[in-house]
Protein backbone atom coordinates (compact mmCIF):
# COMPACT_ATOMS: atom_id res chain seq x y z
CA MET A 1 84.82 91.28 108.60
CA THR A 2 84.71 93.84 111.40
CA HIS A 3 87.76 95.55 112.81
CA PRO A 4 88.36 97.21 116.18
CA ALA A 5 88.36 100.97 116.34
CA VAL A 6 91.77 102.57 116.03
CA VAL A 7 92.76 104.32 119.24
CA ALA A 8 95.43 107.01 119.20
CA PRO A 9 98.45 106.20 121.37
CA ALA A 10 98.60 107.76 124.80
CA SER A 11 102.05 109.14 125.56
CA ASP A 12 101.49 108.53 129.27
CA ALA A 13 100.57 104.85 128.82
CA THR A 14 102.32 102.64 131.35
CA TYR A 15 103.44 99.02 131.24
CA ALA A 16 104.24 96.73 134.13
CA SER A 17 107.29 95.18 132.45
CA PHE A 18 109.17 98.26 131.24
CA GLU A 19 109.20 102.04 130.94
CA LEU A 20 108.07 103.53 127.63
CA ARG A 21 109.23 106.94 126.37
CA SER A 22 107.46 108.11 123.22
CA LEU A 23 109.39 109.79 120.42
CA THR A 24 106.30 111.54 119.00
CA PRO A 25 102.62 111.48 119.99
CA HIS A 26 101.75 108.90 117.31
CA ILE A 27 104.83 106.90 116.23
CA GLY A 28 108.01 105.69 117.87
CA ALA A 29 108.95 104.84 121.45
CA GLU A 30 112.02 103.87 123.44
CA ILE A 31 111.68 100.85 125.70
CA VAL A 32 113.66 101.03 128.94
CA GLY A 33 114.22 98.10 131.29
CA ILE A 34 114.10 95.17 128.84
CA ASP A 35 117.00 92.91 127.93
CA PRO A 36 116.08 90.97 124.75
CA THR A 37 118.60 88.27 125.68
CA ASP A 38 116.55 87.32 128.76
CA GLU A 39 113.93 84.59 128.82
CA LEU A 40 110.98 86.97 128.82
CA PRO A 41 107.81 86.01 130.67
CA ALA A 42 104.64 85.68 128.60
CA GLU A 43 103.19 88.88 130.08
CA THR A 44 106.31 90.86 129.18
CA GLU A 45 106.18 89.55 125.61
CA ARG A 46 102.50 90.45 125.42
CA GLU A 47 103.24 93.99 126.57
CA ILE A 48 106.05 94.36 124.02
CA ARG A 49 103.65 93.29 121.26
CA ASP A 50 101.03 95.71 122.52
CA ALA A 51 103.53 98.58 122.56
CA TRP A 52 104.73 97.60 119.07
CA TYR A 53 101.22 97.58 117.61
CA THR A 54 100.54 100.92 119.28
CA TRP A 55 103.78 102.79 118.53
CA LYS A 56 104.90 100.96 115.36
CA VAL A 57 108.62 101.55 116.06
CA LEU A 58 110.35 100.39 119.27
CA VAL A 59 113.92 101.37 120.22
CA PHE A 60 116.01 99.38 122.70
CA ARG A 61 119.20 101.18 123.78
CA ASP A 62 122.47 99.84 125.21
CA GLN A 63 121.99 96.22 124.15
CA ARG A 64 124.73 93.61 123.87
CA LEU A 65 123.50 91.01 121.42
CA THR A 66 125.26 88.15 119.74
CA ARG A 67 123.91 87.25 116.32
CA ASP A 68 122.20 84.16 117.76
CA GLN A 69 120.55 86.28 120.50
CA HIS A 70 119.39 88.78 117.91
CA LYS A 71 117.80 86.00 115.87
CA ARG A 72 116.30 84.30 118.92
CA PHE A 73 114.54 87.51 119.98
CA ALA A 74 113.23 88.02 116.43
CA ARG A 75 111.85 84.46 116.32
CA ARG A 76 109.50 85.33 119.16
CA PHE A 77 107.49 87.19 116.49
CA GLY A 78 107.64 84.66 113.64
CA ARG A 79 109.73 82.79 111.11
CA LEU A 80 112.86 84.58 109.91
CA HIS A 81 113.04 86.05 106.41
CA VAL A 82 115.71 85.42 103.77
CA HIS A 83 116.37 88.55 101.70
CA PRO A 84 116.02 88.29 97.88
CA MET A 85 119.58 89.64 97.47
CA GLN A 86 121.02 86.99 99.76
CA HIS A 87 122.27 84.99 96.76
CA LEU A 88 124.96 87.67 96.37
CA TYR A 89 126.20 87.44 99.94
CA ARG A 90 128.08 84.89 101.99
CA GLY A 91 127.28 84.03 105.56
CA ASP A 92 124.06 83.63 107.50
CA PRO A 93 121.08 83.70 105.09
CA GLU A 94 118.78 85.06 107.82
CA VAL A 95 120.95 88.12 108.53
CA LEU A 96 121.23 91.13 106.21
CA ILE A 97 124.47 93.08 106.73
CA VAL A 98 123.86 96.84 106.60
CA LYS A 99 127.31 98.32 106.12
CA THR A 100 128.29 101.69 104.69
CA THR A 101 131.86 102.97 104.33
CA ALA A 102 133.70 105.67 102.42
CA ASP A 103 133.92 103.25 99.46
CA SER A 104 130.20 102.40 99.32
CA ALA A 105 128.39 103.21 96.09
CA TYR A 106 125.12 103.44 98.02
CA THR A 107 123.70 102.82 101.44
CA SER A 108 120.78 100.45 101.93
CA GLY A 109 117.48 102.21 102.49
CA ASP A 110 118.50 105.68 101.31
CA GLY A 111 114.98 106.58 100.16
CA TRP A 112 111.45 106.07 101.46
CA HIS A 113 110.43 102.41 101.31
CA THR A 114 108.86 99.47 103.09
CA ASP A 115 111.08 96.38 103.27
CA VAL A 116 110.75 93.81 100.48
CA THR A 117 107.12 94.47 99.50
CA CYS A 118 107.95 92.65 96.26
CA ASP A 119 107.51 89.38 98.19
CA GLU A 120 104.11 87.69 98.03
CA ILE A 121 104.12 87.74 101.84
CA PRO A 122 106.46 90.59 102.83
CA PRO A 123 108.22 90.77 106.20
CA LEU A 124 105.82 91.85 108.95
CA GLY A 125 108.67 93.49 110.85
CA SER A 126 112.40 94.10 110.91
CA LEU A 127 114.90 94.31 113.75
CA LEU A 128 118.06 96.30 112.99
CA TYR A 129 120.93 96.14 115.49
CA VAL A 130 123.49 98.90 114.91
CA THR A 131 126.89 98.58 116.56
CA GLU A 132 128.92 101.23 114.72
CA THR A 133 127.75 104.78 114.11
CA PRO A 134 129.51 107.78 112.54
CA ALA A 135 131.67 109.49 115.14
CA CYS A 136 130.73 112.85 113.64
CA GLY A 137 126.99 112.20 113.99
CA GLY A 138 124.41 111.53 111.31
CA GLY A 139 123.03 108.28 109.97
CA ASP A 140 119.59 108.59 111.60
CA THR A 141 116.57 106.71 110.24
CA LEU A 142 113.22 108.42 109.64
CA PHE A 143 110.05 106.36 110.08
CA ALA A 144 106.69 107.43 108.64
CA ASP A 145 103.24 106.45 109.95
CA MET A 146 101.23 105.00 107.04
CA GLY A 147 97.98 105.05 109.01
CA LEU A 148 98.28 108.79 109.47
CA ALA A 149 99.41 109.14 105.83
CA TYR A 150 96.11 107.58 104.74
CA GLU A 151 94.03 109.62 107.20
CA LEU A 152 95.48 112.91 105.91
CA LEU A 153 94.26 112.23 102.36
CA SER A 154 90.92 113.65 101.25
CA GLN A 155 87.94 111.31 101.50
CA PRO A 156 87.33 111.21 97.71
CA LEU A 157 90.94 110.16 97.16
CA GLN A 158 90.72 107.61 99.97
CA ARG A 159 87.62 106.03 98.36
CA PHE A 160 89.37 105.87 94.98
CA LEU A 161 92.52 104.28 96.41
CA ASP A 162 90.56 101.76 98.49
CA GLU A 163 89.67 99.73 95.38
CA LEU A 164 93.07 99.71 93.65
CA ASP A 165 95.91 97.20 93.47
CA ALA A 166 99.56 97.85 92.67
CA VAL A 167 102.55 95.90 91.39
CA HIS A 168 105.62 95.70 93.65
CA ASP A 169 108.75 94.70 91.72
CA GLY A 170 112.08 93.68 93.30
CA ALA A 171 113.94 94.52 90.10
CA LEU A 172 113.08 98.18 90.63
CA PRO A 173 115.57 98.72 93.49
CA TYR A 174 117.81 95.67 93.26
CA VAL A 175 118.61 95.93 89.53
CA GLY A 176 117.58 99.49 88.70
CA ALA A 177 119.15 101.24 91.69
CA TYR A 178 121.67 98.76 93.13
CA LYS A 179 122.77 97.29 89.75
CA THR A 180 122.87 93.75 91.11
CA ARG A 181 122.71 90.45 89.27
CA PRO A 182 119.26 88.84 89.65
CA PRO A 183 118.97 85.27 90.92
CA GLU A 184 117.77 82.51 88.60
CA GLY A 185 114.14 83.30 87.82
CA GLY A 186 114.54 86.97 88.70
CA TYR A 187 113.63 88.98 91.77
CA PRO A 188 110.12 88.63 93.28
CA ARG A 189 107.22 90.58 91.80
CA SER A 190 103.82 90.69 93.54
CA GLU A 191 100.52 92.56 93.62
CA HIS A 192 99.10 94.13 96.79
CA PRO A 193 96.19 96.47 97.56
CA VAL A 194 97.07 100.18 97.53
CA VAL A 195 95.31 100.45 100.90
CA ILE A 196 95.50 97.58 103.38
CA ARG A 197 94.25 96.96 106.91
CA HIS A 198 96.60 96.09 109.72
CA PRO A 199 95.70 92.51 110.72
CA GLU A 200 96.00 93.25 114.45
CA THR A 201 94.65 96.80 114.84
CA GLY A 202 92.31 97.07 111.84
CA GLN A 203 93.81 100.45 110.91
CA LYS A 204 93.71 101.42 107.24
CA LEU A 205 97.20 101.95 105.83
CA LEU A 206 98.61 103.43 102.65
CA TYR A 207 100.65 100.60 101.11
CA VAL A 208 102.67 101.94 98.19
CA ASN A 209 106.31 102.94 98.39
CA SER A 210 108.85 104.49 96.05
CA GLY A 211 111.30 101.65 96.61
CA PHE A 212 109.20 98.83 95.17
CA THR A 213 105.86 100.00 93.76
CA ALA A 214 106.13 99.99 89.96
CA LYS A 215 102.57 100.69 88.80
CA ILE A 216 98.89 100.76 89.76
CA ASN A 217 96.74 98.24 87.95
CA GLY A 218 93.83 99.41 85.80
CA LEU A 219 95.22 102.88 85.13
CA THR A 220 97.02 104.14 82.06
CA PRO A 221 100.80 104.46 82.43
CA VAL A 222 100.49 108.24 82.72
CA GLU A 223 97.68 108.01 85.30
CA SER A 224 99.59 105.40 87.32
CA ARG A 225 102.81 107.42 87.33
CA THR A 226 101.01 110.64 88.24
CA LEU A 227 99.09 109.05 91.11
CA LEU A 228 102.14 107.25 92.50
CA ASP A 229 104.20 110.44 92.33
CA LEU A 230 101.44 112.29 94.20
CA LEU A 231 101.41 109.63 96.95
CA PHE A 232 105.20 109.45 97.17
CA ARG A 233 105.35 113.24 97.42
CA HIS A 234 102.71 113.12 100.18
CA ILE A 235 104.97 110.79 102.17
CA ASP A 236 108.30 112.54 101.62
CA SER A 237 106.98 116.08 102.20
CA THR A 238 104.79 115.64 105.30
CA PRO A 239 107.05 115.85 108.37
CA LYS A 240 104.16 115.28 110.80
CA LEU A 241 104.20 111.63 109.67
CA TYR A 242 107.69 111.02 111.02
CA CYS A 243 109.66 109.99 114.02
CA ARG A 244 113.46 110.06 113.89
CA VAL A 245 115.63 107.36 115.43
CA GLU A 246 119.09 108.56 116.37
CA TRP A 247 121.39 105.58 116.28
CA LYS A 248 123.95 105.08 119.00
CA PRO A 249 126.22 102.04 119.26
CA ASN A 250 124.38 98.92 120.44
CA THR A 251 120.89 100.14 119.57
CA LEU A 252 118.20 97.67 118.47
CA THR A 253 115.16 99.06 116.63
CA PHE A 254 112.10 96.94 115.85
CA TRP A 255 109.60 98.36 113.33
CA ASP A 256 106.26 97.16 112.03
CA ASN A 257 106.76 96.84 108.28
CA ARG A 258 103.03 96.81 107.56
CA CYS A 259 102.24 100.28 108.85
CA THR A 260 105.49 102.21 108.40
CA GLN A 261 107.96 103.35 105.80
CA HIS A 262 111.52 104.34 106.58
CA HIS A 263 114.41 106.30 105.10
CA ALA A 264 118.01 105.73 106.16
CA VAL A 265 119.62 109.16 105.89
CA TRP A 266 123.06 109.01 104.27
CA ASP A 267 124.46 112.27 105.58
CA TYR A 268 127.73 110.96 107.01
CA HIS A 269 130.00 110.19 104.03
CA PRO A 270 132.92 109.37 104.20
CA HIS A 271 132.31 107.96 107.68
CA SER A 272 131.07 104.44 108.41
CA ARG A 273 128.01 102.79 109.88
CA TYR A 274 127.46 99.07 110.57
CA GLY A 275 124.43 97.03 111.58
CA GLU A 276 122.75 93.68 111.08
CA ARG A 277 119.08 93.26 110.22
CA VAL A 278 116.85 90.30 110.93
CA SER A 279 113.32 90.33 109.52
CA VAL A 280 110.24 88.30 110.40
CA VAL A 281 108.00 86.81 107.71
CA GLY A 282 104.29 87.57 107.90
CA SER A 283 101.72 84.80 108.07
CA GLU A 284 99.36 86.33 105.48
CA ARG A 285 99.38 88.50 102.40
CA PRO A 286 98.57 92.21 102.83
CA ALA A 287 94.80 92.55 102.48
CA ARG A 288 92.00 95.10 102.52
């Protein structure tokens, strides 16, 4: 199978349907002039997809979305996901509440991860709508470019990783970190390549994350742990991979879960933050 060449984003790229303001030269952009509650023409939707594939993280400011409008916009990109921890919550199964207060034992996403890679077919993207932010500031989310993360590795290491598969285990965060009760049958556990290709752009992507990746197949436990720690350290210590989204009330951010990782920074205790996340299920398993 052949893949198109990967073209670096152009910060001066223009779109007919909206204004785009890049956050960094390679990841993250704010979209100005789009109301997700509108009935968007096909050309506008095509341009949003193009910008999303190019910039990986899109930020829509000053939005007023009902839950149904939030879900309707997300459905333009695919079927909605039901989170593995939803058995513990009440309410809409397609909406994950992201709420942190002074009494919270943890905040969701406080560590580098890709959403729900324990699923056989993980979410291809997530749309988080934040309506309450800490009055004192803080609570930003960092996003890391996994295409650039792969490109920055040495070629011998790239070739070695290209042939490996890893286990992604939902029990790792949901039981080990969050101390939750598993559903009947346990949380999902799946195997994915360590390096995948983006199905739309063809870009090679590093696809292991400290939230879910438990081990690399075919290696001894010591080798697996050492290699994963090296890759996790590469991600969490390379600032050039990142863009930073500063949340303000009524901000919607849409990220490509296949080619990014993110870290919700919990630097605002004892203040509060509230949002609702809707995710879109992919149509295929991550693949080389």
